[in-house]
Amino acid sequence: MKENRITVRFTDEQIQAISEKAASAQMTPSAYIRAAAMRHKVVVVDGLREMTHEVRGIGRNLNQLTILANEGRFTSPDLSKMVEKLDKIYGQLYILSDQERR
Protein backbone atom coordinates (compact mmCIF):
# COMPACT_ATOMS: atom_id res chain seq x y z
CA MET A 1 0.00 0.00 0.00
CA LYS A 2 1.32 3.41 -0.95
CA GLU A 3 1.40 5.46 2.23
CA ASN A 4 4.17 7.98 1.55
CA ARG A 5 4.15 11.00 -0.70
CA ILE A 6 6.90 13.05 -2.32
CA THR A 7 6.00 16.45 -3.71
CA VAL A 8 7.76 17.35 -6.94
CA ARG A 9 7.31 20.50 -8.98
CA PHE A 10 7.27 20.48 -12.77
CA THR A 11 7.00 23.12 -15.44
CA ASP A 12 3.97 23.10 -17.71
CA GLU A 13 6.14 21.70 -20.49
CA GLN A 14 7.43 18.90 -18.28
CA ILE A 15 3.91 17.97 -17.18
CA GLN A 16 2.82 17.89 -20.81
CA ALA A 17 5.77 15.69 -21.80
CA ILE A 18 5.25 13.31 -18.87
CA SER A 19 1.52 13.08 -19.57
CA GLU A 20 2.14 12.30 -23.25
CA LYS A 21 4.77 9.67 -22.46
CA ALA A 22 2.54 8.09 -19.82
CA ALA A 23 -0.42 8.01 -22.20
CA SER A 24 1.65 6.40 -24.95
CA ALA A 25 2.79 3.77 -22.43
CA GLN A 26 -0.84 3.30 -21.32
CA MET A 27 0.11 4.34 -17.80
CA THR A 28 -1.00 7.03 -15.41
CA PRO A 29 1.49 9.87 -14.98
CA SER A 30 2.10 8.70 -11.39
CA ALA A 31 2.82 5.12 -12.47
CA TYR A 32 5.08 6.38 -15.26
CA ILE A 33 7.07 8.59 -12.89
CA ARG A 34 7.41 5.74 -10.35
CA ALA A 35 8.64 3.36 -13.05
CA ALA A 36 11.13 5.89 -14.39
CA ALA A 37 12.36 6.78 -10.88
CA MET A 38 12.93 3.14 -10.01
CA ARG A 39 14.92 2.73 -13.24
CA HIS A 40 12.40 0.36 -14.69
CA LYS A 41 12.49 0.30 -18.43
CA VAL A 42 9.29 1.81 -19.78
CA VAL A 43 8.52 0.32 -23.19
CA VAL A 44 6.06 2.01 -25.50
CA VAL A 45 4.57 -0.28 -28.13
CA ASP A 46 2.84 1.52 -30.98
CA GLY A 47 -0.31 -0.29 -32.01
CA LEU A 48 -0.59 -2.34 -28.82
CA ARG A 49 -4.01 -0.88 -28.01
CA GLU A 50 -5.34 -1.94 -31.42
CA MET A 51 -3.86 -5.43 -31.07
CA THR A 52 -5.36 -5.78 -27.59
CA HIS A 53 -8.75 -4.70 -28.91
CA GLU A 54 -8.52 -7.26 -31.72
CA VAL A 55 -7.51 -10.08 -29.35
CA ARG A 56 -10.41 -9.24 -27.03
CA GLY A 57 -12.82 -9.37 -29.95
CA ILE A 58 -11.45 -12.74 -31.02
CA GLY A 59 -11.81 -13.98 -27.44
CA ARG A 60 -15.45 -12.87 -27.31
CA ASN A 61 -16.17 -14.57 -30.62
CA LEU A 62 -14.48 -17.76 -29.48
CA ASN A 63 -16.47 -17.70 -26.24
CA GLN A 64 -19.74 -17.29 -28.16
CA LEU A 65 -18.80 -20.15 -30.49
CA THR A 66 -17.96 -22.36 -27.51
CA ILE A 67 -21.35 -21.67 -25.94
CA LEU A 68 -23.16 -22.45 -29.19
CA ALA A 69 -21.15 -25.65 -29.67
CA ASN A 70 -21.89 -26.76 -26.11
CA GLU A 71 -25.58 -26.15 -26.77
CA GLY A 72 -25.30 -28.45 -29.78
CA ARG A 73 -26.17 -25.78 -32.35
CA PHE A 74 -23.21 -26.79 -34.54
CA THR A 75 -20.21 -29.07 -34.41
CA SER A 76 -17.49 -27.67 -36.69
CA PRO A 77 -17.18 -23.89 -37.00
CA ASP A 78 -14.86 -22.32 -39.56
CA LEU A 79 -12.14 -20.69 -37.47
CA SER A 80 -9.76 -19.95 -40.34
CA LYS A 81 -10.29 -16.15 -40.26
CA MET A 82 -9.77 -16.12 -36.49
CA VAL A 83 -6.55 -18.11 -36.86
CA GLU A 84 -5.33 -15.75 -39.62
CA LYS A 85 -5.92 -12.70 -37.41
CA LEU A 86 -4.17 -14.33 -34.44
CA ASP A 87 -1.22 -15.32 -36.66
CA LYS A 88 -0.91 -11.70 -37.82
CA ILE A 89 -1.02 -10.40 -34.23
CA TYR A 90 1.50 -12.97 -33.01
CA GLY A 91 3.78 -12.03 -35.91
CA GLN A 92 3.60 -8.35 -34.99
CA LEU A 93 4.27 -9.13 -31.32
CA TYR A 94 7.26 -11.29 -32.30
CA ILE A 95 8.73 -8.43 -34.34
CA LEU A 96 8.21 -6.01 -31.45
CA SER A 97 9.76 -8.35 -28.90
CA ASP A 98 12.70 -9.05 -31.23
CA GLN A 99 13.32 -5.30 -31.62
CA GLU A 100 13.13 -4.88 -27.84
CA ARG A 101 15.84 -7.49 -27.26
CA ARG A 102 18.35 -5.54 -29.41
C-alpha atoms as a PDB file:
ATOM      1  CA  MET A   1       0.000   0.000   0.000  1.00  0.00           C
ATOM      2  CA  LYS A   2       1.323   3.413  -0.949  1.00  0.00           C
ATOM      3  CA  GLU A   3       1.403   5.462   2.233  1.00  0.00           C
ATOM      4  CA  ASN A   4       4.166   7.979   1.546  1.00  0.00           C
ATOM      5  CA  ARG A   5       4.151  10.998  -0.697  1.00  0.00           C
ATOM      6  CA  ILE A   6       6.897  13.055  -2.317  1.00  0.00           C
ATOM      7  CA  THR A   7       6.001  16.452  -3.706  1.00  0.00           C
ATOM      8  CA  VAL A   8       7.757  17.347  -6.936  1.00  0.00           C
ATOM      9  CA  ARG A   9       7.308  20.498  -8.975  1.00  0.00           C
ATOM     10  CA  PHE A  10       7.268  20.480 -12.774  1.00  0.00           C
ATOM     11  CA  THR A  11       7.002  23.124 -15.439  1.00  0.00           C
ATOM     12  CA  ASP A  12       3.965  23.099 -17.708  1.00  0.00           C
ATOM     13  CA  GLU A  13       6.142  21.699 -20.493  1.00  0.00           C
ATOM     14  CA  GLN A  14       7.433  18.897 -18.279  1.00  0.00           C
ATOM     15  CA  ILE A  15       3.911  17.973 -17.176  1.00  0.00           C
ATOM     16  CA  GLN A  16       2.818  17.888 -20.811  1.00  0.00           C
ATOM     17  CA  ALA A  17       5.773  15.688 -21.805  1.00  0.00           C
ATOM     18  CA  ILE A  18       5.249  13.308 -18.866  1.00  0.00           C
ATOM     19  CA  SER A  19       1.524  13.080 -19.567  1.00  0.00           C
ATOM     20  CA  GLU A  20       2.139  12.303 -23.247  1.00  0.00           C
ATOM     21  CA  LYS A  21       4.766   9.667 -22.462  1.00  0.00           C
ATOM     22  CA  ALA A  22       2.537   8.089 -19.821  1.00  0.00           C
ATOM     23  CA  ALA A  23      -0.422   8.007 -22.199  1.00  0.00           C
ATOM     24  CA  SER A  24       1.653   6.402 -24.954  1.00  0.00           C
ATOM     25  CA  ALA A  25       2.792   3.769 -22.430  1.00  0.00           C
ATOM     26  CA  GLN A  26      -0.837   3.303 -21.323  1.00  0.00           C
ATOM     27  CA  MET A  27       0.114   4.340 -17.796  1.00  0.00           C
ATOM     28  CA  THR A  28      -1.004   7.031 -15.414  1.00  0.00           C
ATOM     29  CA  PRO A  29       1.486   9.867 -14.976  1.00  0.00           C
ATOM     30  CA  SER A  30       2.097   8.697 -11.387  1.00  0.00           C
ATOM     31  CA  ALA A  31       2.818   5.119 -12.472  1.00  0.00           C
ATOM     32  CA  TYR A  32       5.076   6.378 -15.260  1.00  0.00           C
ATOM     33  CA  ILE A  33       7.074   8.586 -12.887  1.00  0.00           C
ATOM     34  CA  ARG A  34       7.411   5.745 -10.348  1.00  0.00           C
ATOM     35  CA  ALA A  35       8.637   3.358 -13.052  1.00  0.00           C
ATOM     36  CA  ALA A  36      11.129   5.894 -14.386  1.00  0.00           C
ATOM     37  CA  ALA A  37      12.357   6.782 -10.885  1.00  0.00           C
ATOM     38  CA  MET A  38      12.933   3.136 -10.011  1.00  0.00           C
ATOM     39  CA  ARG A  39      14.922   2.735 -13.244  1.00  0.00           C
ATOM     40  CA  HIS A  40      12.401   0.357 -14.692  1.00  0.00           C
ATOM     41  CA  LYS A  41      12.491   0.297 -18.429  1.00  0.00           C
ATOM     42  CA  VAL A  42       9.290   1.815 -19.778  1.00  0.00           C
ATOM     43  CA  VAL A  43       8.522   0.324 -23.186  1.00  0.00           C
ATOM     44  CA  VAL A  44       6.063   2.005 -25.504  1.00  0.00           C
ATOM     45  CA  VAL A  45       4.568  -0.275 -28.132  1.00  0.00           C
ATOM     46  CA  ASP A  46       2.840   1.517 -30.980  1.00  0.00           C
ATOM     47  CA  GLY A  47      -0.311  -0.292 -32.008  1.00  0.00           C
ATOM     48  CA  LEU A  48      -0.594  -2.337 -28.821  1.00  0.00           C
ATOM     49  CA  ARG A  49      -4.013  -0.880 -28.012  1.00  0.00           C
ATOM     50  CA  GLU A  50      -5.339  -1.944 -31.425  1.00  0.00           C
ATOM     51  CA  MET A  51      -3.861  -5.429 -31.074  1.00  0.00           C
ATOM     52  CA  THR A  52      -5.357  -5.775 -27.594  1.00  0.00           C
ATOM     53  CA  HIS A  53      -8.750  -4.700 -28.914  1.00  0.00           C
ATOM     54  CA  GLU A  54      -8.516  -7.259 -31.723  1.00  0.00           C
ATOM     55  CA  VAL A  55      -7.513 -10.085 -29.352  1.00  0.00           C
ATOM     56  CA  ARG A  56     -10.407  -9.240 -27.028  1.00  0.00           C
ATOM     57  CA  GLY A  57     -12.823  -9.371 -29.950  1.00  0.00           C
ATOM     58  CA  ILE A  58     -11.452 -12.737 -31.017  1.00  0.00           C
ATOM     59  CA  GLY A  59     -11.809 -13.980 -27.436  1.00  0.00           C
ATOM     60  CA  ARG A  60     -15.447 -12.866 -27.308  1.00  0.00           C
ATOM     61  CA  ASN A  61     -16.170 -14.570 -30.625  1.00  0.00           C
ATOM     62  CA  LEU A  62     -14.484 -17.756 -29.478  1.00  0.00           C
ATOM     63  CA  ASN A  63     -16.466 -17.697 -26.235  1.00  0.00           C
ATOM     64  CA  GLN A  64     -19.740 -17.295 -28.163  1.00  0.00           C
ATOM     65  CA  LEU A  65     -18.804 -20.151 -30.490  1.00  0.00           C
ATOM     66  CA  THR A  66     -17.963 -22.357 -27.507  1.00  0.00           C
ATOM     67  CA  ILE A  67     -21.348 -21.669 -25.936  1.00  0.00           C
ATOM     68  CA  LEU A  68     -23.162 -22.452 -29.190  1.00  0.00           C
ATOM     69  CA  ALA A  69     -21.145 -25.645 -29.671  1.00  0.00           C
ATOM     70  CA  ASN A  70     -21.891 -26.762 -26.107  1.00  0.00           C
ATOM     71  CA  GLU A  71     -25.584 -26.151 -26.770  1.00  0.00           C
ATOM     72  CA  GLY A  72     -25.305 -28.451 -29.782  1.00  0.00           C
ATOM     73  CA  ARG A  73     -26.168 -25.784 -32.350  1.00  0.00           C
ATOM     74  CA  PHE A  74     -23.209 -26.787 -34.544  1.00  0.00           C
ATOM     75  CA  THR A  75     -20.212 -29.069 -34.408  1.00  0.00           C
ATOM     76  CA  SER A  76     -17.491 -27.674 -36.694  1.00  0.00           C
ATOM     77  CA  PRO A  77     -17.178 -23.892 -36.997  1.00  0.00           C
ATOM     78  CA  ASP A  78     -14.857 -22.315 -39.561  1.00  0.00           C
ATOM     79  CA  LEU A  79     -12.143 -20.694 -37.467  1.00  0.00           C
ATOM     80  CA  SER A  80      -9.763 -19.946 -40.342  1.00  0.00           C
ATOM     81  CA  LYS A  81     -10.293 -16.149 -40.259  1.00  0.00           C
ATOM     82  CA  MET A  82      -9.766 -16.118 -36.494  1.00  0.00           C
ATOM     83  CA  VAL A  83      -6.554 -18.115 -36.863  1.00  0.00           C
ATOM     84  CA  GLU A  84      -5.332 -15.753 -39.618  1.00  0.00           C
ATOM     85  CA  LYS A  85      -5.915 -12.699 -37.411  1.00  0.00           C
ATOM     86  CA  LEU A  86      -4.167 -14.327 -34.445  1.00  0.00           C
ATOM     87  CA  ASP A  87      -1.219 -15.318 -36.660  1.00  0.00           C
ATOM     88  CA  LYS A  88      -0.909 -11.705 -37.816  1.00  0.00           C
ATOM     89  CA  ILE A  89      -1.024 -10.397 -34.233  1.00  0.00           C
ATOM     90  CA  TYR A  90       1.504 -12.974 -33.011  1.00  0.00           C
ATOM     91  CA  GLY A  91       3.776 -12.028 -35.913  1.00  0.00           C
ATOM     92  CA  GLN A  92       3.597  -8.349 -34.992  1.00  0.00           C
ATOM     93  CA  LEU A  93       4.267  -9.135 -31.324  1.00  0.00           C
ATOM     94  CA  TYR A  94       7.255 -11.292 -32.298  1.00  0.00           C
ATOM     95  CA  ILE A  95       8.728  -8.432 -34.340  1.00  0.00           C
ATOM     96  CA  LEU A  96       8.206  -6.013 -31.453  1.00  0.00           C
ATOM     97  CA  SER A  97       9.762  -8.346 -28.897  1.00  0.00           C
ATOM     98  CA  ASP A  98      12.695  -9.049 -31.229  1.00  0.00           C
ATOM     99  CA  GLN A  99      13.318  -5.302 -31.619  1.00  0.00           C
ATOM    100  CA  GLU A 100      13.131  -4.878 -27.843  1.00  0.00           C
ATOM    101  CA  ARG A 101      15.844  -7.486 -27.263  1.00  0.00           C
ATOM    102  CA  ARG A 102      18.350  -5.542 -29.407  1.00  0.00           C
END
